[in-house]
Amino acid sequence: MGRKVGIFWPGDYRSKPNEQALPSVTEATAQLEKALKKLGRDPYRIPGWLTRPHEAIEKLGPVDDPLIGVCVHWFYGPHTTDGVVGKDSPLLLASNFSGTWPGLVGLLNTGACLESVGRKFSRVWTSADDWTGDAGFMDRLDEWCCTG
């Protein structure tokens, strides 16, 4: 797998939940970028929330690099699925483990959507304040970076 990794934000179609989740997704993305850099990867952000299927198609469709969706609040699985269906590049859904924001719910919902269309993907999450300090998380992220 290459060094470059695209990071995207699956979003709710309503603007208010995305606005409220912005601090959480910004922090989670920074943690993920730090973890990826520690593993020798070059992360970059795909701008904005994906709030509609056509946005996922437009923003994710042209990307051939491995992709990571940062799941930190509720969102709808089809908003991501339509942008990656038919592709075989590595896809990872990553989440913090927060009782305040149900990111794992969005992750699991998206996973079910991806399974229904036969799109391969992986999952990873952590409850650590510093994601690089969670050995299990880092091991799984490293495995994904090496094998997809």
N, C-alpha and C. Protein backbone atom coordinates (compact mmCIF):
# COMPACT_ATOMS: atom_id res chain seq x y z
N MET A 1 0.85 -1.17 0.00
CA MET A 1 0.00 0.00 0.00
C MET A 1 0.90 1.24 0.00
N GLY A 2 0.47 2.27 -0.70
CA GLY A 2 1.24 3.50 -0.79
C GLY A 2 1.29 4.28 0.51
N ARG A 3 2.07 5.34 0.49
CA ARG A 3 2.22 6.17 1.69
C ARG A 3 1.06 7.13 1.88
N LYS A 4 0.43 7.59 0.79
CA LYS A 4 -0.65 8.58 0.90
C LYS A 4 -1.94 7.90 1.35
N VAL A 5 -2.65 8.58 2.28
CA VAL A 5 -3.92 8.08 2.79
C VAL A 5 -4.90 9.26 2.86
N GLY A 6 -6.04 9.14 2.19
CA GLY A 6 -7.07 10.17 2.24
C GLY A 6 -7.97 9.98 3.44
N ILE A 7 -8.31 11.07 4.09
CA ILE A 7 -9.19 11.04 5.26
C ILE A 7 -10.44 11.85 4.92
N PHE A 8 -11.61 11.28 5.19
CA PHE A 8 -12.86 11.98 4.91
C PHE A 8 -13.80 11.91 6.10
N TRP A 9 -14.77 12.83 6.09
CA TRP A 9 -15.74 12.94 7.18
C TRP A 9 -17.14 12.60 6.68
N PRO A 10 -17.67 11.42 7.02
CA PRO A 10 -19.07 11.14 6.74
C PRO A 10 -19.94 12.06 7.60
N GLY A 11 -20.96 12.65 7.01
CA GLY A 11 -21.77 13.61 7.76
C GLY A 11 -23.26 13.33 7.69
N ASP A 12 -23.97 13.96 8.57
CA ASP A 12 -25.43 13.94 8.58
C ASP A 12 -25.92 14.90 7.49
N TYR A 13 -27.06 14.64 6.94
CA TYR A 13 -27.58 15.55 5.90
C TYR A 13 -28.07 16.86 6.49
N ARG A 14 -28.25 16.90 7.80
CA ARG A 14 -28.64 18.14 8.48
C ARG A 14 -27.37 18.85 8.95
N SER A 15 -27.31 20.15 8.79
CA SER A 15 -26.08 20.88 9.13
C SER A 15 -25.82 20.95 10.63
N LYS A 16 -26.86 21.04 11.45
CA LYS A 16 -26.68 21.23 12.90
C LYS A 16 -25.87 20.11 13.56
N PRO A 17 -26.18 18.81 13.30
CA PRO A 17 -25.35 17.77 13.92
C PRO A 17 -23.89 17.85 13.50
N ASN A 18 -23.63 18.19 12.25
CA ASN A 18 -22.25 18.32 11.79
C ASN A 18 -21.55 19.49 12.49
N GLU A 19 -22.25 20.60 12.65
CA GLU A 19 -21.68 21.75 13.37
C GLU A 19 -21.34 21.36 14.80
N GLN A 20 -22.25 20.64 15.45
CA GLN A 20 -22.02 20.24 16.84
C GLN A 20 -20.89 19.22 16.96
N ALA A 21 -20.70 18.40 15.94
CA ALA A 21 -19.66 17.37 15.97
C ALA A 21 -18.30 17.88 15.50
N LEU A 22 -18.25 19.10 14.98
CA LEU A 22 -16.99 19.61 14.42
C LEU A 22 -15.81 19.53 15.39
N PRO A 23 -15.95 19.94 16.66
CA PRO A 23 -14.79 19.81 17.56
C PRO A 23 -14.34 18.36 17.73
N SER A 24 -15.29 17.44 17.81
CA SER A 24 -14.96 16.03 17.99
C SER A 24 -14.27 15.45 16.76
N VAL A 25 -14.80 15.75 15.56
CA VAL A 25 -14.19 15.19 14.35
C VAL A 25 -12.83 15.84 14.07
N THR A 26 -12.68 17.11 14.41
CA THR A 26 -11.40 17.78 14.24
C THR A 26 -10.34 17.14 15.13
N GLU A 27 -10.68 16.88 16.38
CA GLU A 27 -9.75 16.25 17.31
C GLU A 27 -9.44 14.82 16.88
N ALA A 28 -10.46 14.06 16.51
CA ALA A 28 -10.23 12.68 16.08
C ALA A 28 -9.36 12.63 14.83
N THR A 29 -9.59 13.54 13.91
CA THR A 29 -8.79 13.58 12.68
C THR A 29 -7.34 13.91 13.00
N ALA A 30 -7.12 14.85 13.89
CA ALA A 30 -5.75 15.19 14.30
C ALA A 30 -5.07 13.97 14.94
N GLN A 31 -5.81 13.25 15.78
CA GLN A 31 -5.26 12.04 16.41
C GLN A 31 -4.92 10.99 15.35
N LEU A 32 -5.81 10.81 14.38
CA LEU A 32 -5.58 9.83 13.32
C LEU A 32 -4.38 10.23 12.46
N GLU A 33 -4.28 11.51 12.12
CA GLU A 33 -3.14 11.99 11.33
C GLU A 33 -1.83 11.74 12.08
N LYS A 34 -1.84 12.00 13.37
CA LYS A 34 -0.65 11.78 14.19
C LYS A 34 -0.27 10.30 14.19
N ALA A 35 -1.27 9.43 14.31
CA ALA A 35 -1.02 7.99 14.31
C ALA A 35 -0.49 7.52 12.96
N LEU A 36 -1.08 8.01 11.88
CA LEU A 36 -0.63 7.62 10.54
C LEU A 36 0.80 8.09 10.27
N LYS A 37 1.11 9.31 10.69
CA LYS A 37 2.48 9.83 10.50
C LYS A 37 3.48 9.00 11.30
N LYS A 38 3.08 8.57 12.49
CA LYS A 38 3.96 7.73 13.30
C LYS A 38 4.25 6.41 12.59
N LEU A 39 3.32 5.97 11.76
CA LEU A 39 3.49 4.73 11.00
C LEU A 39 4.11 4.97 9.62
N GLY A 40 4.57 6.21 9.39
CA GLY A 40 5.26 6.52 8.14
C GLY A 40 4.35 6.81 6.96
N ARG A 41 3.10 7.15 7.22
CA ARG A 41 2.14 7.46 6.15
C ARG A 41 2.00 8.96 5.98
N ASP A 42 1.45 9.36 4.85
CA ASP A 42 1.26 10.77 4.51
C ASP A 42 -0.24 11.05 4.37
N PRO A 43 -0.92 11.36 5.49
CA PRO A 43 -2.37 11.59 5.41
C PRO A 43 -2.71 12.96 4.82
N TYR A 44 -3.84 13.00 4.13
CA TYR A 44 -4.39 14.27 3.64
C TYR A 44 -5.90 14.22 3.81
N ARG A 45 -6.48 15.40 3.93
CA ARG A 45 -7.92 15.50 4.16
C ARG A 45 -8.68 15.79 2.87
N ILE A 46 -9.78 15.10 2.72
CA ILE A 46 -10.72 15.40 1.65
C ILE A 46 -11.67 16.43 2.26
N PRO A 47 -11.78 17.61 1.67
CA PRO A 47 -12.47 18.72 2.34
C PRO A 47 -13.97 18.52 2.52
N GLY A 48 -14.44 19.01 3.66
CA GLY A 48 -15.88 19.08 3.94
C GLY A 48 -16.50 17.77 4.37
N TRP A 49 -17.72 17.89 4.84
CA TRP A 49 -18.52 16.72 5.22
C TRP A 49 -19.11 16.07 3.97
N LEU A 50 -19.28 14.77 3.99
CA LEU A 50 -20.05 14.07 2.96
C LEU A 50 -21.46 13.91 3.51
N THR A 51 -22.37 14.72 3.02
CA THR A 51 -23.72 14.76 3.60
C THR A 51 -24.80 14.20 2.67
N ARG A 52 -24.43 13.89 1.47
CA ARG A 52 -25.36 13.34 0.47
C ARG A 52 -24.59 12.32 -0.40
N PRO A 53 -25.28 11.33 -0.93
CA PRO A 53 -24.59 10.35 -1.77
C PRO A 53 -23.81 10.97 -2.93
N HIS A 54 -24.36 11.99 -3.58
CA HIS A 54 -23.65 12.59 -4.72
C HIS A 54 -22.34 13.23 -4.28
N GLU A 55 -22.26 13.73 -3.03
CA GLU A 55 -21.01 14.31 -2.54
C GLU A 55 -19.94 13.23 -2.39
N ALA A 56 -20.34 12.06 -1.92
CA ALA A 56 -19.38 10.95 -1.79
C ALA A 56 -18.89 10.52 -3.17
N ILE A 57 -19.80 10.47 -4.13
CA ILE A 57 -19.42 10.09 -5.48
C ILE A 57 -18.44 11.11 -6.05
N GLU A 58 -18.74 12.39 -5.88
CA GLU A 58 -17.90 13.45 -6.44
C GLU A 58 -16.54 13.55 -5.74
N LYS A 59 -16.52 13.38 -4.41
CA LYS A 59 -15.28 13.58 -3.66
C LYS A 59 -14.45 12.31 -3.50
N LEU A 60 -15.09 11.16 -3.34
CA LEU A 60 -14.35 9.93 -3.11
C LEU A 60 -14.13 9.13 -4.40
N GLY A 61 -15.05 9.25 -5.33
CA GLY A 61 -14.95 8.49 -6.57
C GLY A 61 -13.63 8.63 -7.29
N PRO A 62 -13.08 9.84 -7.43
CA PRO A 62 -11.82 10.00 -8.15
C PRO A 62 -10.56 9.58 -7.37
N VAL A 63 -10.70 9.30 -6.08
CA VAL A 63 -9.54 9.01 -5.24
C VAL A 63 -9.18 7.52 -5.33
N ASP A 64 -7.93 7.25 -5.70
CA ASP A 64 -7.45 5.87 -5.77
C ASP A 64 -6.61 5.49 -4.56
N ASP A 65 -6.24 6.47 -3.75
CA ASP A 65 -5.46 6.19 -2.54
C ASP A 65 -6.34 5.46 -1.53
N PRO A 66 -5.71 4.77 -0.57
CA PRO A 66 -6.48 4.22 0.55
C PRO A 66 -7.25 5.34 1.24
N LEU A 67 -8.43 5.01 1.76
CA LEU A 67 -9.30 6.00 2.39
C LEU A 67 -9.66 5.59 3.81
N ILE A 68 -9.76 6.61 4.67
CA ILE A 68 -10.24 6.39 6.04
C ILE A 68 -11.38 7.37 6.31
N GLY A 69 -12.53 6.83 6.70
CA GLY A 69 -13.66 7.65 7.14
C GLY A 69 -13.59 7.81 8.65
N VAL A 70 -13.65 9.05 9.12
CA VAL A 70 -13.60 9.33 10.56
C VAL A 70 -15.03 9.42 11.07
N CYS A 71 -15.40 8.47 11.90
CA CYS A 71 -16.78 8.33 12.38
C CYS A 71 -16.87 8.80 13.83
N VAL A 72 -17.45 9.97 14.06
CA VAL A 72 -17.54 10.47 15.43
C VAL A 72 -18.96 10.88 15.84
N HIS A 73 -19.90 10.80 14.92
CA HIS A 73 -21.28 11.12 15.27
C HIS A 73 -22.21 10.36 14.34
N TRP A 74 -23.49 10.50 14.54
CA TRP A 74 -24.46 9.81 13.70
C TRP A 74 -24.40 10.36 12.28
N PHE A 75 -24.45 9.48 11.31
CA PHE A 75 -24.56 9.86 9.91
C PHE A 75 -25.15 8.66 9.18
N TYR A 76 -25.46 8.83 7.94
CA TYR A 76 -26.13 7.79 7.17
C TYR A 76 -25.13 7.05 6.30
N GLY A 77 -25.11 5.73 6.39
CA GLY A 77 -24.18 4.90 5.66
C GLY A 77 -24.15 5.11 4.16
N PRO A 78 -25.30 5.27 3.49
CA PRO A 78 -25.26 5.46 2.04
C PRO A 78 -24.49 6.70 1.60
N HIS A 79 -24.30 7.65 2.50
CA HIS A 79 -23.56 8.86 2.13
C HIS A 79 -22.10 8.54 1.82
N THR A 80 -21.57 7.49 2.39
CA THR A 80 -20.22 7.05 2.09
C THR A 80 -20.23 5.95 1.04
N THR A 81 -21.14 5.03 1.16
CA THR A 81 -21.17 3.84 0.31
C THR A 81 -21.15 4.17 -1.17
N ASP A 82 -21.95 5.12 -1.59
CA ASP A 82 -22.05 5.44 -3.01
C ASP A 82 -20.74 5.96 -3.59
N GLY A 83 -19.87 6.51 -2.78
CA GLY A 83 -18.60 7.03 -3.27
C GLY A 83 -17.50 6.00 -3.39
N VAL A 84 -17.70 4.82 -2.78
CA VAL A 84 -16.63 3.81 -2.79
C VAL A 84 -17.07 2.48 -3.39
N VAL A 85 -18.34 2.36 -3.73
CA VAL A 85 -18.81 1.10 -4.33
C VAL A 85 -18.13 0.89 -5.68
N GLY A 86 -17.75 -0.34 -5.95
CA GLY A 86 -17.09 -0.64 -7.20
C GLY A 86 -15.59 -0.40 -7.18
N LYS A 87 -15.07 0.14 -6.11
CA LYS A 87 -13.62 0.39 -5.98
C LYS A 87 -13.01 -0.75 -5.16
N ASP A 88 -11.72 -0.95 -5.32
CA ASP A 88 -11.08 -1.97 -4.51
C ASP A 88 -9.91 -1.43 -3.68
N SER A 89 -9.75 -0.12 -3.66
CA SER A 89 -8.69 0.46 -2.82
C SER A 89 -9.05 0.24 -1.35
N PRO A 90 -8.04 0.14 -0.49
CA PRO A 90 -8.29 -0.10 0.93
C PRO A 90 -9.18 0.99 1.54
N LEU A 91 -10.12 0.56 2.36
CA LEU A 91 -11.06 1.46 3.03
C LEU A 91 -11.12 1.08 4.50
N LEU A 92 -10.98 2.07 5.36
CA LEU A 92 -11.02 1.87 6.80
C LEU A 92 -12.02 2.84 7.40
N LEU A 93 -12.84 2.36 8.30
CA LEU A 93 -13.73 3.22 9.09
C LEU A 93 -13.12 3.29 10.49
N ALA A 94 -12.80 4.50 10.93
CA ALA A 94 -12.14 4.70 12.23
C ALA A 94 -13.02 5.55 13.12
N SER A 95 -13.04 5.23 14.41
CA SER A 95 -13.88 5.98 15.34
C SER A 95 -13.21 6.11 16.69
N ASN A 96 -13.55 7.21 17.35
CA ASN A 96 -13.27 7.31 18.77
C ASN A 96 -14.35 6.48 19.47
N PHE A 97 -14.22 6.28 20.75
CA PHE A 97 -15.22 5.53 21.49
C PHE A 97 -15.77 6.48 22.55
N SER A 98 -16.76 7.26 22.13
CA SER A 98 -17.27 8.33 22.98
C SER A 98 -18.71 8.05 23.39
N GLY A 99 -19.00 8.27 24.65
CA GLY A 99 -20.37 8.16 25.12
C GLY A 99 -21.21 9.38 24.76
N THR A 100 -20.55 10.47 24.39
CA THR A 100 -21.25 11.70 24.02
C THR A 100 -21.73 11.65 22.58
N TRP A 101 -20.89 11.13 21.70
CA TRP A 101 -21.21 11.08 20.26
C TRP A 101 -21.21 9.64 19.80
N PRO A 102 -22.28 9.17 19.18
CA PRO A 102 -22.38 7.76 18.78
C PRO A 102 -21.67 7.46 17.45
N GLY A 103 -20.38 7.71 17.40
CA GLY A 103 -19.63 7.46 16.18
C GLY A 103 -19.63 6.01 15.77
N LEU A 104 -19.61 5.11 16.77
CA LEU A 104 -19.63 3.69 16.43
C LEU A 104 -20.94 3.28 15.78
N VAL A 105 -22.03 3.98 16.08
CA VAL A 105 -23.31 3.69 15.44
C VAL A 105 -23.22 4.00 13.95
N GLY A 106 -22.65 5.15 13.61
CA GLY A 106 -22.45 5.50 12.21
C GLY A 106 -21.49 4.54 11.53
N LEU A 107 -20.44 4.14 12.24
CA LEU A 107 -19.48 3.19 11.70
C LEU A 107 -20.16 1.86 11.39
N LEU A 108 -20.95 1.35 12.34
CA LEU A 108 -21.62 0.07 12.13
C LEU A 108 -22.68 0.16 11.04
N ASN A 109 -23.41 1.26 10.98
CA ASN A 109 -24.41 1.47 9.93
C ASN A 109 -23.74 1.48 8.56
N THR A 110 -22.65 2.20 8.44
CA THR A 110 -21.93 2.26 7.17
C THR A 110 -21.36 0.89 6.82
N GLY A 111 -20.84 0.19 7.82
CA GLY A 111 -20.33 -1.16 7.59
C GLY A 111 -21.40 -2.07 7.02
N ALA A 112 -22.62 -1.98 7.55
CA ALA A 112 -23.72 -2.81 7.04
C ALA A 112 -24.03 -2.45 5.58
N CYS A 113 -24.02 -1.16 5.28
CA CYS A 113 -24.26 -0.71 3.89
C CYS A 113 -23.17 -1.24 2.96
N LEU A 114 -21.92 -1.15 3.40
CA LEU A 114 -20.81 -1.63 2.58
C LEU A 114 -20.89 -3.14 2.37
N GLU A 115 -21.24 -3.87 3.44
CA GLU A 115 -21.42 -5.32 3.32
C GLU A 115 -22.50 -5.66 2.31
N SER A 116 -23.58 -4.89 2.30
CA SER A 116 -24.71 -5.19 1.42
C SER A 116 -24.37 -5.04 -0.06
N VAL A 117 -23.34 -4.26 -0.37
CA VAL A 117 -22.93 -4.09 -1.77
C VAL A 117 -21.61 -4.82 -2.07
N GLY A 118 -21.14 -5.61 -1.11
CA GLY A 118 -19.93 -6.40 -1.32
C GLY A 118 -18.63 -5.61 -1.32
N ARG A 119 -18.63 -4.43 -0.70
CA ARG A 119 -17.43 -3.58 -0.66
C ARG A 119 -16.58 -3.96 0.55
N LYS A 120 -15.35 -4.38 0.32
CA LYS A 120 -14.46 -4.74 1.42
C LYS A 120 -14.03 -3.49 2.17
N PHE A 121 -13.89 -3.62 3.48
CA PHE A 121 -13.46 -2.53 4.35
C PHE A 121 -12.99 -3.11 5.66
N SER A 122 -12.39 -2.26 6.48
CA SER A 122 -11.95 -2.64 7.82
C SER A 122 -12.48 -1.62 8.81
N ARG A 123 -12.40 -1.98 10.09
CA ARG A 123 -12.86 -1.08 11.16
C ARG A 123 -11.77 -1.00 12.23
N VAL A 124 -11.70 0.16 12.86
CA VAL A 124 -10.80 0.34 14.00
C VAL A 124 -11.36 1.45 14.88
N TRP A 125 -11.16 1.34 16.18
CA TRP A 125 -11.58 2.41 17.09
C TRP A 125 -10.75 2.36 18.35
N THR A 126 -10.83 3.45 19.09
CA THR A 126 -10.09 3.54 20.35
C THR A 126 -10.83 4.45 21.32
N SER A 127 -10.59 4.23 22.59
CA SER A 127 -11.12 5.12 23.63
C SER A 127 -10.01 5.96 24.25
N ALA A 128 -8.81 5.82 23.75
CA ALA A 128 -7.65 6.53 24.32
C ALA A 128 -7.71 8.02 24.01
N ASP A 129 -7.25 8.82 24.95
CA ASP A 129 -7.12 10.26 24.70
C ASP A 129 -6.05 10.53 23.65
N ASP A 130 -4.97 9.76 23.71
CA ASP A 130 -3.89 9.84 22.73
C ASP A 130 -3.93 8.53 21.94
N TRP A 131 -4.40 8.59 20.72
CA TRP A 131 -4.58 7.37 19.93
C TRP A 131 -3.27 6.63 19.73
N THR A 132 -2.15 7.34 19.67
CA THR A 132 -0.86 6.66 19.48
C THR A 132 -0.44 5.88 20.72
N GLY A 133 -1.07 6.14 21.85
CA GLY A 133 -0.77 5.43 23.09
C GLY A 133 -1.56 4.15 23.26
N ASP A 134 -2.48 3.86 22.37
CA ASP A 134 -3.29 2.64 22.42
C ASP A 134 -2.62 1.60 21.53
N ALA A 135 -1.90 0.67 22.15
CA ALA A 135 -1.11 -0.32 21.39
C ALA A 135 -1.99 -1.16 20.47
N GLY A 136 -3.16 -1.57 20.94
CA GLY A 136 -4.06 -2.37 20.11
C GLY A 136 -4.53 -1.61 18.88
N PHE A 137 -4.89 -0.35 19.08
CA PHE A 137 -5.31 0.50 17.97
C PHE A 137 -4.17 0.66 16.97
N MET A 138 -2.99 0.97 17.47
CA MET A 138 -1.84 1.20 16.59
C MET A 138 -1.47 -0.07 15.83
N ASP A 139 -1.56 -1.22 16.49
CA ASP A 139 -1.27 -2.49 15.80
C ASP A 139 -2.25 -2.73 14.67
N ARG A 140 -3.54 -2.48 14.91
CA ARG A 140 -4.55 -2.70 13.86
C ARG A 140 -4.38 -1.68 12.74
N LEU A 141 -4.10 -0.44 13.09
CA LEU A 141 -3.89 0.59 12.07
C LEU A 141 -2.66 0.24 11.23
N ASP A 142 -1.59 -0.21 11.87
CA ASP A 142 -0.38 -0.60 11.17
C ASP A 142 -0.67 -1.79 10.23
N GLU A 143 -1.42 -2.76 10.71
CA GLU A 143 -1.79 -3.91 9.87
C GLU A 143 -2.56 -3.44 8.64
N TRP A 144 -3.52 -2.53 8.84
CA TRP A 144 -4.29 -2.01 7.70
C TRP A 144 -3.38 -1.25 6.74
N CYS A 145 -2.48 -0.43 7.28
CA CYS A 145 -1.56 0.33 6.42
C CYS A 145 -0.67 -0.59 5.60
N CYS A 146 -0.31 -1.73 6.16
CA CYS A 146 0.58 -2.66 5.44
C CYS A 146 -0.15 -3.60 4.50
N THR A 147 -1.38 -3.97 4.84
CA THR A 147 -2.07 -5.00 4.05
C THR A 147 -3.36 -4.50 3.39
N GLY A 148 -3.88 -3.37 3.87
CA GLY A 148 -5.15 -2.89 3.33
C GLY A 148 -6.31 -3.72 3.84
